[in-house]
Amino acid sequence: MGYSGDFVLARSGSSLAELPVFDDPGWCADEHADRFRPCRSRLGGWQTLQADDWLPENDDDRWLYRLVTATGSPVMIASVVDSDVCYVRGLTPSGAAWSAFLDPVTAAEYEVSVPPSSQDEAPPGETDGDRRVRRMLAEVPGTVERIADWAAEAGFTADREALRAVLTKRADPLVEDLFMELVDACGLPPAEPARDDPAAVDPAAHPGHRPEHGCPRGARLEAAVLNLPRDGHLVLRCAAEAHCYAQVWLRPDGTYQLEHRDRSPAEHYRTRTVSADKVIAALAAWAAGETAWRDAFQWTPIGSWFSES
């Protein structure tokens, strides 16, 4: 058995579970505490709340509206069934709404109801399941644009190609992981490190280590590295620190020169690798504010190159 329940994403200055919208006189305090579990929060007050057996069936629009009104924020609700199927809805304060099933193939196996598409001519021999998948995939381009509008109202730039990939891929193995990928593709900042177990956390390099707006992530970052030409560079910069960055140079000989600098010249290091995958993983971890990725390489200090003589 997988997980069944709801995930609520919104921005709030206080804990989502403490919002009055979740108060119900029919729940006792212990039941309320057991019902809601916060996931790791994101920068800027963005929070994801895991709500077990909370959302009443056929009441999606009312809860979306109540949450948007309570937070003044764009909201997503993702309803998961047995970690197989996920139905996601979004709403913004301006009233822009969208919905989508994640993992269309499994959703079709659950015989979800899908309205006819604008191009609904059935190929010969098409099964009911095939028709549902085809109709869901036909809606993907329009859904990508609506989600991108949702992200823009939230103050972020969505990665449309990453959104398209999430809306068309299979869950492997948990569909709730696709929901988290969807949130990342909307351009929201990464989850903050957990605070209650310092030994298990890879802390940020320093308080100013936050990537600048538009820093590529996910599929966009992977494509940027894989599409580097020989002698090409990719630089990721901190938003608030002039000399905080990570960069990669695809050398003419086909090897990658990876560098990172943490403000002062004395904290500038380089390494070389032939693995694009290791470069992608390192830059993704840097963008997330992590530091443990440095342990995967042997570094050479090069700060003396930049120090004033």
Protein backbone atom coordinates (compact mmCIF):
# COMPACT_ATOMS: atom_id res chain seq x y z
CA MET A 1 0.00 0.00 0.00
CA GLY A 2 1.23 3.47 -0.90
CA TYR A 3 0.28 6.85 0.49
CA SER A 4 -3.19 8.32 0.12
CA GLY A 5 -3.85 11.90 1.15
CA ASP A 6 -3.34 15.49 0.09
CA PHE A 7 -0.42 17.90 -0.24
CA VAL A 8 -1.15 21.61 0.12
CA LEU A 9 1.35 24.17 -1.19
CA ALA A 10 0.97 27.85 -0.30
CA ARG A 11 2.90 30.83 1.03
CA SER A 12 2.25 31.95 4.59
CA GLY A 13 4.03 33.84 7.34
CA SER A 14 2.85 31.27 9.87
CA SER A 15 2.50 27.51 9.84
CA LEU A 16 -0.11 26.37 7.32
CA ALA A 17 -1.53 23.91 9.84
CA GLU A 18 -2.31 26.82 12.17
CA LEU A 19 -4.43 28.71 9.65
CA PRO A 20 -8.05 29.17 10.75
CA VAL A 21 -9.14 27.62 7.47
CA PHE A 22 -8.17 24.24 8.91
CA ASP A 23 -10.16 24.66 12.13
CA ASP A 24 -13.13 22.36 12.42
CA PRO A 25 -15.17 21.99 15.62
CA GLY A 26 -15.69 18.33 14.81
CA TRP A 27 -11.97 17.55 15.27
CA CYS A 28 -10.36 17.24 18.66
CA ALA A 29 -6.87 18.69 19.19
CA ASP A 30 -5.11 15.31 19.03
CA GLU A 31 -6.85 14.37 15.79
CA HIS A 32 -5.92 17.74 14.30
CA ALA A 33 -2.25 17.26 15.25
CA ASP A 34 -2.15 13.77 13.75
CA ARG A 35 -3.88 14.85 10.56
CA PHE A 36 -1.35 17.44 9.34
CA ARG A 37 2.40 17.00 8.81
CA PRO A 38 4.59 19.79 7.43
CA CYS A 39 7.15 19.00 4.76
CA ARG A 40 10.41 20.94 4.59
CA SER A 41 9.63 24.60 3.92
CA ARG A 42 11.06 26.67 1.09
CA LEU A 43 12.52 30.15 1.12
CA GLY A 44 10.07 33.05 1.11
CA GLY A 45 7.48 31.38 3.33
CA TRP A 46 6.48 28.68 0.84
CA GLN A 47 5.28 25.59 2.67
CA THR A 48 3.96 22.15 1.77
CA LEU A 49 1.56 20.52 4.22
CA GLN A 50 0.82 16.80 4.06
CA ALA A 51 -2.82 16.39 5.03
CA ASP A 52 -3.90 12.80 5.67
CA ASP A 53 -7.57 12.04 4.91
CA TRP A 54 -8.36 15.75 5.11
CA LEU A 55 -9.86 17.02 1.87
CA PRO A 56 -13.54 16.05 1.43
CA GLU A 57 -14.35 14.51 -1.93
CA ASN A 58 -15.93 16.74 -4.59
CA ASP A 59 -15.06 19.88 -2.60
CA ASP A 60 -11.84 20.90 -4.34
CA ASP A 61 -12.91 24.36 -5.53
CA ARG A 62 -14.12 25.49 -2.13
CA TRP A 63 -10.90 24.49 -0.36
CA LEU A 64 -8.73 26.10 -3.01
CA TYR A 65 -10.71 29.33 -2.70
CA ARG A 66 -10.55 29.27 1.11
CA LEU A 67 -6.80 28.71 1.12
CA VAL A 68 -6.13 31.44 -1.45
CA THR A 69 -8.27 33.83 0.59
CA ALA A 70 -6.55 32.88 3.85
CA THR A 71 -2.98 33.21 2.50
CA GLY A 72 -3.32 35.76 -0.30
CA SER A 73 -1.10 33.34 -2.19
CA PRO A 74 -1.35 31.07 -5.21
CA VAL A 75 -2.19 27.59 -3.92
CA MET A 76 -1.78 24.02 -5.14
CA ILE A 77 -3.55 20.96 -3.79
CA ALA A 78 -2.34 17.52 -4.87
CA SER A 79 -4.56 14.54 -4.06
CA VAL A 80 -2.69 11.23 -4.06
CA VAL A 81 -4.23 7.75 -4.23
CA ASP A 82 -2.05 4.85 -3.08
CA SER A 83 1.08 6.63 -4.44
CA ASP A 84 -0.18 5.70 -7.93
CA VAL A 85 -2.32 8.61 -9.10
CA CYS A 86 -2.07 12.32 -8.31
CA TYR A 87 -4.66 14.95 -9.24
CA VAL A 88 -3.23 18.48 -8.89
CA ARG A 89 -5.24 21.69 -8.87
CA GLY A 90 -3.95 25.25 -8.75
CA LEU A 91 -5.61 28.61 -8.09
CA THR A 92 -4.30 32.17 -7.82
CA PRO A 93 -5.70 35.27 -6.11
CA SER A 94 -6.63 36.63 -9.54
CA GLY A 95 -8.78 33.55 -10.14
CA ALA A 96 -6.55 31.71 -12.64
CA ALA A 97 -7.13 27.97 -12.23
CA TRP A 98 -5.70 24.77 -13.68
CA SER A 99 -5.73 21.03 -13.04
CA ALA A 100 -3.78 17.98 -14.21
CA PHE A 101 -3.26 14.29 -13.54
CA LEU A 102 0.32 13.17 -12.95
CA ASP A 103 1.39 9.89 -14.59
CA PRO A 104 -1.30 9.84 -17.30
CA VAL A 105 -0.82 6.13 -18.01
CA THR A 106 -1.60 5.05 -14.45
CA ALA A 107 -4.40 7.64 -14.22
CA ALA A 108 -5.96 6.01 -17.29
CA GLU A 109 -5.70 2.61 -15.62
CA TYR A 110 -7.72 4.07 -12.73
CA GLU A 111 -10.38 5.01 -15.32
CA VAL A 112 -10.37 8.69 -14.40
CA SER A 113 -12.87 10.86 -16.23
CA VAL A 114 -11.23 12.89 -19.01
CA PRO A 115 -13.27 15.28 -21.20
CA PRO A 116 -12.91 15.04 -24.98
CA SER A 117 -10.05 17.01 -26.49
CA SER A 118 -10.36 19.46 -29.38
CA GLN A 119 -8.83 16.84 -31.65
CA ASP A 120 -10.69 13.71 -30.62
CA GLU A 121 -10.58 11.53 -33.70
CA ALA A 122 -9.88 8.04 -32.38
CA PRO A 123 -7.25 5.93 -34.16
CA PRO A 124 -8.43 2.45 -35.26
CA GLY A 125 -8.38 -0.10 -32.46
CA GLU A 126 -7.94 2.47 -29.68
CA THR A 127 -8.90 1.17 -26.22
CA ASP A 128 -10.64 3.19 -23.52
CA GLY A 129 -7.34 3.48 -21.65
CA ASP A 130 -5.49 4.63 -24.75
CA ARG A 131 -8.17 7.25 -25.38
CA ARG A 132 -7.83 8.63 -21.83
CA VAL A 133 -4.05 8.86 -22.16
CA ARG A 134 -4.32 10.55 -25.55
CA ARG A 135 -6.79 13.10 -24.23
CA MET A 136 -4.64 13.89 -21.19
CA LEU A 137 -1.51 14.30 -23.32
CA ALA A 138 -3.40 16.56 -25.73
CA GLU A 139 -4.09 18.92 -22.81
CA VAL A 140 -0.44 19.17 -21.74
CA PRO A 141 0.61 22.24 -23.83
CA GLY A 142 -2.30 24.31 -22.56
CA THR A 143 -1.78 23.11 -18.99
CA VAL A 144 1.91 24.04 -19.13
CA GLU A 145 0.96 27.63 -20.04
CA ARG A 146 -1.63 27.84 -17.25
CA ILE A 147 0.86 26.52 -14.69
CA ALA A 148 3.46 29.00 -15.97
CA ASP A 149 0.91 31.79 -15.40
CA TRP A 150 0.32 30.43 -11.87
CA ALA A 151 4.07 30.55 -11.23
CA ALA A 152 4.35 34.07 -12.63
CA GLU A 153 1.65 35.32 -10.26
CA ALA A 154 3.63 33.69 -7.44
CA GLY A 155 6.70 35.66 -8.57
CA PHE A 156 8.61 32.87 -10.33
CA THR A 157 9.61 31.89 -13.86
CA ALA A 158 8.55 28.36 -14.68
CA ASP A 159 10.67 25.99 -16.74
CA ARG A 160 8.13 25.06 -19.42
CA GLU A 161 10.16 22.14 -20.76
CA ALA A 162 10.49 20.70 -17.26
CA LEU A 163 6.74 21.15 -16.73
CA ARG A 164 6.03 19.31 -19.96
CA ALA A 165 8.32 16.48 -18.90
CA VAL A 166 6.65 16.13 -15.50
CA LEU A 167 3.14 16.12 -16.98
CA THR A 168 3.97 13.33 -19.43
CA LYS A 169 6.29 11.02 -17.48
CA ARG A 170 5.61 7.89 -15.43
CA ALA A 171 6.01 7.78 -11.66
CA ASP A 172 9.13 5.92 -10.58
CA PRO A 173 8.02 4.64 -8.19
CA LEU A 174 5.94 7.19 -6.19
CA VAL A 175 3.63 9.67 -7.86
CA GLU A 176 4.04 12.16 -5.00
CA ASP A 177 7.66 12.58 -6.16
CA LEU A 178 6.26 13.89 -9.45
CA PHE A 179 4.35 16.53 -7.50
CA MET A 180 7.59 17.75 -5.91
CA GLU A 181 9.19 17.82 -9.39
CA LEU A 182 6.23 19.88 -10.59
CA VAL A 183 6.77 22.41 -7.81
CA ASP A 184 10.48 22.63 -8.68
CA ALA A 185 9.62 23.15 -12.35
CA CYS A 186 7.47 26.13 -11.35
CA GLY A 187 10.70 27.85 -10.30
CA LEU A 188 10.08 27.87 -6.55
CA PRO A 189 13.19 27.95 -4.37
CA PRO A 190 14.52 24.63 -3.03
CA ALA A 191 13.51 23.25 0.33
CA GLU A 192 15.41 24.69 3.26
CA PRO A 193 17.67 22.32 5.23
CA ALA A 194 16.04 20.67 8.22
CA ARG A 195 16.80 22.52 11.44
CA ASP A 196 16.17 19.87 14.09
CA ASP A 197 19.01 17.48 13.25
CA PRO A 198 22.20 19.41 12.48
CA ALA A 199 24.24 16.23 12.19
CA ALA A 200 22.05 15.03 9.32
CA VAL A 201 21.99 18.34 7.46
CA ASP A 202 24.34 19.68 4.84
CA PRO A 203 24.19 23.37 5.80
CA ALA A 204 24.43 26.26 3.39
CA ALA A 205 27.92 27.57 2.78
CA HIS A 206 26.97 30.93 4.31
CA PRO A 207 23.82 33.05 4.76
CA GLY A 208 24.35 34.83 1.45
CA HIS A 209 24.61 31.61 -0.53
CA ARG A 210 21.34 31.95 -2.43
CA PRO A 211 21.35 31.65 -6.23
CA GLU A 212 20.28 34.65 -8.26
CA HIS A 213 16.81 34.72 -9.80
CA GLY A 214 16.67 32.67 -12.98
CA CYS A 215 19.43 30.27 -11.95
CA PRO A 216 18.82 27.13 -14.04
CA ARG A 217 17.58 24.09 -12.15
CA GLY A 218 16.40 20.58 -12.88
CA ALA A 219 16.04 19.73 -16.55
CA ARG A 220 17.12 23.24 -17.59
CA LEU A 221 20.41 22.95 -15.68
CA GLU A 222 21.06 19.48 -17.08
CA ALA A 223 20.46 20.72 -20.62
CA ALA A 224 22.71 23.75 -20.08
CA VAL A 225 25.63 21.48 -19.10
CA LEU A 226 25.04 18.84 -21.77
CA ASN A 227 24.71 21.49 -24.49
CA LEU A 228 27.90 23.34 -23.62
CA PRO A 229 30.11 23.80 -26.71
CA ARG A 230 33.84 23.16 -26.50
CA ASP A 231 35.43 26.17 -24.75
CA GLY A 232 31.99 27.15 -23.43
CA HIS A 233 31.20 28.31 -19.88
CA LEU A 234 28.23 28.12 -17.51
CA VAL A 235 28.26 30.33 -14.40
CA LEU A 236 25.84 30.17 -11.45
CA ARG A 237 25.97 33.22 -9.20
CA CYS A 238 24.77 34.09 -5.72
CA ALA A 239 22.07 36.75 -5.61
CA ALA A 240 23.59 38.90 -2.86
CA GLU A 241 27.33 38.15 -2.99
CA ALA A 242 29.42 39.53 -5.85
CA HIS A 243 32.18 36.91 -5.52
CA CYS A 244 30.09 33.83 -4.73
CA TYR A 245 29.61 31.51 -7.68
CA ALA A 246 30.12 28.09 -9.22
CA GLN A 247 31.11 27.64 -12.83
CA VAL A 248 32.09 25.00 -15.34
CA TRP A 249 34.23 25.29 -18.44
CA LEU A 250 34.11 22.60 -21.11
CA ARG A 251 37.74 22.66 -22.12
CA PRO A 252 38.80 22.20 -25.76
CA ASP A 253 40.02 18.69 -24.87
CA GLY A 254 36.47 17.67 -23.79
CA THR A 255 37.07 17.61 -20.02
CA TYR A 256 35.11 19.74 -17.58
CA GLN A 257 36.85 22.27 -15.35
CA LEU A 258 34.61 22.89 -12.35
CA GLU A 259 35.24 25.85 -10.03
CA HIS A 260 33.59 27.33 -6.97
CA ARG A 261 34.33 30.50 -5.05
CA ASP A 262 32.93 31.48 -1.66
CA ARG A 263 33.45 35.28 -1.59
CA SER A 264 37.16 35.72 -0.86
CA PRO A 265 39.94 34.73 -3.29
CA ALA A 266 41.28 32.32 -0.68
CA GLU A 267 38.06 30.29 -1.10
CA HIS A 268 38.40 29.78 -4.87
CA TYR A 269 39.00 26.18 -5.98
CA ARG A 270 39.02 24.18 -9.18
CA THR A 271 38.93 20.55 -10.25
CA ARG A 272 38.60 18.59 -13.46
CA THR A 273 36.38 15.69 -14.43
CA VAL A 274 35.27 13.86 -17.55
CA SER A 275 31.79 13.21 -16.09
CA ALA A 276 28.98 15.52 -17.13
CA ASP A 277 26.73 13.75 -14.60
CA LYS A 278 29.07 14.70 -11.74
CA VAL A 279 29.11 18.30 -12.94
CA ILE A 280 25.32 18.43 -13.13
CA ALA A 281 24.97 16.92 -9.65
CA ALA A 282 27.52 19.36 -8.22
CA LEU A 283 25.90 22.45 -9.73
CA ALA A 284 22.43 21.32 -8.67
CA ALA A 285 23.64 20.86 -5.10
CA TRP A 286 25.40 24.24 -5.18
CA ALA A 287 22.15 25.88 -6.31
CA ALA A 288 20.38 24.18 -3.39
CA GLY A 289 22.86 25.76 -0.95
CA GLU A 290 24.54 22.49 -0.04
CA THR A 291 28.24 21.81 0.59
CA ALA A 292 28.69 18.03 0.80
CA TRP A 293 28.97 17.80 -3.01
CA ARG A 294 32.51 19.20 -2.70
CA ASP A 295 33.65 15.91 -1.15
CA ALA A 296 33.19 14.13 -4.48
CA PHE A 297 36.24 15.90 -5.99
CA GLN A 298 39.89 16.64 -5.33
CA TRP A 299 40.24 20.42 -5.34
CA THR A 300 43.16 22.72 -6.13
CA PRO A 301 43.14 26.20 -4.55
CA ILE A 302 43.57 28.94 -7.16
CA GLY A 303 42.88 32.01 -5.06
CA SER A 304 46.43 33.27 -5.58
CA TRP A 305 45.57 33.86 -9.24
CA PHE A 306 43.08 36.54 -8.18
CA SER A 307 44.79 38.09 -5.15
CA GLU A 308 46.25 41.53 -5.54
CA SER A 309 50.05 41.50 -5.58
